[in-house]
Amino acid sequence: MKVVADLCIVPMGVGPSVSPYVKEIKAIIDASGLDAEMHPNGTNIEGELSDICKLAEQCEARLAELGVQRVFFTLIFSSRRDKAQSMADKLRAVS
């Protein structure tokens, strides 16, 4: 099932700046081949539901490798069964 997801991953207990960890996560998302657009509070990702869930697991595993003991995730999905709809389509519909 194709979905549009909004993924936010927050490493906890690493201090006030999480930028080094976000850079690691961004590299994984960029390498995934999925259509993704980072925004200030997370990343919008378009693709198959299973691929996006696997991607979130890969991000968590990388943070664990970096010593992060606790991670807070939000992962919100949007899907349509009546027609194909991309992130760009959704934005055009409201502009």
C-alpha atoms as a PDB file:
ATOM      1  CA  MET A   1       0.000   0.000   0.000  1.00  0.00           C
ATOM      2  CA  LYS A   2       1.395   3.373  -1.015  1.00  0.00           C
ATOM      3  CA  VAL A   3       1.323   6.024   1.708  1.00  0.00           C
ATOM      4  CA  VAL A   4       2.583   9.462   2.558  1.00  0.00           C
ATOM      5  CA  ALA A   5       4.230   9.460   5.979  1.00  0.00           C
ATOM      6  CA  ASP A   6       5.469  12.110   8.341  1.00  0.00           C
ATOM      7  CA  LEU A   7       8.389  10.745  10.357  1.00  0.00           C
ATOM      8  CA  CYS A   8       9.920  12.484  13.361  1.00  0.00           C
ATOM      9  CA  ILE A   9      12.706  10.767  15.306  1.00  0.00           C
ATOM     10  CA  VAL A  10      14.078  12.387  18.459  1.00  0.00           C
ATOM     11  CA  PRO A  11      17.115  10.853  20.174  1.00  0.00           C
ATOM     12  CA  MET A  12      16.738  11.406  23.904  1.00  0.00           C
ATOM     13  CA  GLY A  13      19.381  11.907  26.570  1.00  0.00           C
ATOM     14  CA  VAL A  14      21.994  13.214  24.128  1.00  0.00           C
ATOM     15  CA  GLY A  15      21.979  16.871  25.144  1.00  0.00           C
ATOM     16  CA  PRO A  16      20.227  19.943  23.782  1.00  0.00           C
ATOM     17  CA  SER A  17      21.446  19.586  20.177  1.00  0.00           C
ATOM     18  CA  VAL A  18      20.406  16.550  18.155  1.00  0.00           C
ATOM     19  CA  SER A  19      21.848  17.792  14.847  1.00  0.00           C
ATOM     20  CA  PRO A  20      24.625  15.162  14.587  1.00  0.00           C
ATOM     21  CA  TYR A  21      22.033  12.408  14.987  1.00  0.00           C
ATOM     22  CA  VAL A  22      19.603  14.009  12.551  1.00  0.00           C
ATOM     23  CA  LYS A  23      22.417  14.134   9.970  1.00  0.00           C
ATOM     24  CA  GLU A  24      22.880  10.368  10.394  1.00  0.00           C
ATOM     25  CA  ILE A  25      19.145   9.762   9.979  1.00  0.00           C
ATOM     26  CA  LYS A  26      19.015  12.060   6.937  1.00  0.00           C
ATOM     27  CA  ALA A  27      21.803  10.068   5.276  1.00  0.00           C
ATOM     28  CA  ILE A  28      19.823   6.848   5.745  1.00  0.00           C
ATOM     29  CA  ILE A  29      16.654   8.412   4.354  1.00  0.00           C
ATOM     30  CA  ASP A  30      18.543   9.901   1.391  1.00  0.00           C
ATOM     31  CA  ALA A  31      20.097   6.504   0.605  1.00  0.00           C
ATOM     32  CA  SER A  32      16.717   4.745   0.774  1.00  0.00           C
ATOM     33  CA  GLY A  33      15.600   5.838  -2.677  1.00  0.00           C
ATOM     34  CA  LEU A  34      12.225   6.894  -1.288  1.00  0.00           C
ATOM     35  CA  ASP A  35      10.818  10.311  -2.169  1.00  0.00           C
ATOM     36  CA  ALA A  36      11.449  12.361   0.983  1.00  0.00           C
ATOM     37  CA  GLU A  37      11.297  16.017   1.958  1.00  0.00           C
ATOM     38  CA  MET A  38      12.809  17.155   5.235  1.00  0.00           C
ATOM     39  CA  HIS A  39      11.072  19.935   7.155  1.00  0.00           C
ATOM     40  CA  PRO A  40      12.010  21.602  10.452  1.00  0.00           C
ATOM     41  CA  ASN A  41      10.220  19.013  12.601  1.00  0.00           C
ATOM     42  CA  GLY A  42      10.682  15.806  10.636  1.00  0.00           C
ATOM     43  CA  THR A  43      10.527  14.335   7.171  1.00  0.00           C
ATOM     44  CA  ASN A  44       7.673  13.622   4.771  1.00  0.00           C
ATOM     45  CA  ILE A  45       8.230  10.328   2.959  1.00  0.00           C
ATOM     46  CA  GLU A  46       6.296   8.792   0.086  1.00  0.00           C
ATOM     47  CA  GLY A  47       6.386   5.072  -0.634  1.00  0.00           C
ATOM     48  CA  GLU A  48       5.170   1.639   0.276  1.00  0.00           C
ATOM     49  CA  LEU A  49       4.081   1.314   3.899  1.00  0.00           C
ATOM     50  CA  SER A  50       6.413  -1.635   4.502  1.00  0.00           C
ATOM     51  CA  ASP A  51       9.404   0.246   3.032  1.00  0.00           C
ATOM     52  CA  ILE A  52       8.794   3.242   5.265  1.00  0.00           C
ATOM     53  CA  CYS A  53       8.488   1.037   8.356  1.00  0.00           C
ATOM     54  CA  LYS A  54      11.764  -0.698   7.445  1.00  0.00           C
ATOM     55  CA  LEU A  55      13.380   2.699   6.990  1.00  0.00           C
ATOM     56  CA  ALA A  56      12.260   3.792  10.480  1.00  0.00           C
ATOM     57  CA  GLU A  57      13.786   0.583  11.898  1.00  0.00           C
ATOM     58  CA  GLN A  58      17.070   1.291  10.101  1.00  0.00           C
ATOM     59  CA  CYS A  59      17.145   4.796  11.568  1.00  0.00           C
ATOM     60  CA  GLU A  60      16.559   3.471  15.080  1.00  0.00           C
ATOM     61  CA  ALA A  61      19.258   0.822  14.624  1.00  0.00           C
ATOM     62  CA  ARG A  62      21.779   3.462  13.534  1.00  0.00           C
ATOM     63  CA  LEU A  63      21.012   5.581  16.574  1.00  0.00           C
ATOM     64  CA  ALA A  64      21.554   2.518  18.770  1.00  0.00           C
ATOM     65  CA  GLU A  65      24.944   1.996  17.084  1.00  0.00           C
ATOM     66  CA  LEU A  66      25.779   5.582  18.031  1.00  0.00           C
ATOM     67  CA  GLY A  67      24.971   4.857  21.674  1.00  0.00           C
ATOM     68  CA  VAL A  68      21.521   6.423  21.897  1.00  0.00           C
ATOM     69  CA  GLN A  69      19.607   4.543  24.589  1.00  0.00           C
ATOM     70  CA  ARG A  70      16.184   6.079  24.077  1.00  0.00           C
ATOM     71  CA  VAL A  71      14.393   7.302  20.963  1.00  0.00           C
ATOM     72  CA  PHE A  72      11.022   9.031  20.623  1.00  0.00           C
ATOM     73  CA  PHE A  73       9.261   8.411  17.286  1.00  0.00           C
ATOM     74  CA  THR A  74       6.157   9.808  15.697  1.00  0.00           C
ATOM     75  CA  LEU A  75       5.096   8.227  12.427  1.00  0.00           C
ATOM     76  CA  ILE A  76       1.890   9.422  10.814  1.00  0.00           C
ATOM     77  CA  PHE A  77       0.499   7.801   7.667  1.00  0.00           C
ATOM     78  CA  SER A  78      -1.945   9.008   5.050  1.00  0.00           C
ATOM     79  CA  SER A  79      -3.294   6.745   2.321  1.00  0.00           C
ATOM     80  CA  ARG A  80      -5.881   6.842  -0.447  1.00  0.00           C
ATOM     81  CA  ARG A  81      -7.459   3.808  -1.993  1.00  0.00           C
ATOM     82  CA  ASP A  82      -9.682   5.662  -4.444  1.00  0.00           C
ATOM     83  CA  LYS A  83      -6.777   7.180  -6.417  1.00  0.00           C
ATOM     84  CA  ALA A  84      -3.018   7.562  -6.462  1.00  0.00           C
ATOM     85  CA  GLN A  85      -1.924  10.728  -4.691  1.00  0.00           C
ATOM     86  CA  SER A  86       1.597  12.040  -4.189  1.00  0.00           C
ATOM     87  CA  MET A  87       2.871  14.631  -1.741  1.00  0.00           C
ATOM     88  CA  ALA A  88       2.945  17.140  -4.595  1.00  0.00           C
ATOM     89  CA  ASP A  89      -0.660  16.309  -5.503  1.00  0.00           C
ATOM     90  CA  LYS A  90      -1.763  16.981  -1.939  1.00  0.00           C
ATOM     91  CA  LEU A  91      -0.066  20.388  -1.920  1.00  0.00           C
ATOM     92  CA  ARG A  92      -1.504  21.353  -5.314  1.00  0.00           C
ATOM     93  CA  ALA A  93      -4.997  20.512  -4.062  1.00  0.00           C
ATOM     94  CA  VAL A  94      -4.810  23.269  -1.447  1.00  0.00           C
ATOM     95  CA  SER A  95      -2.929  25.967  -3.347  1.00  0.00           C
END
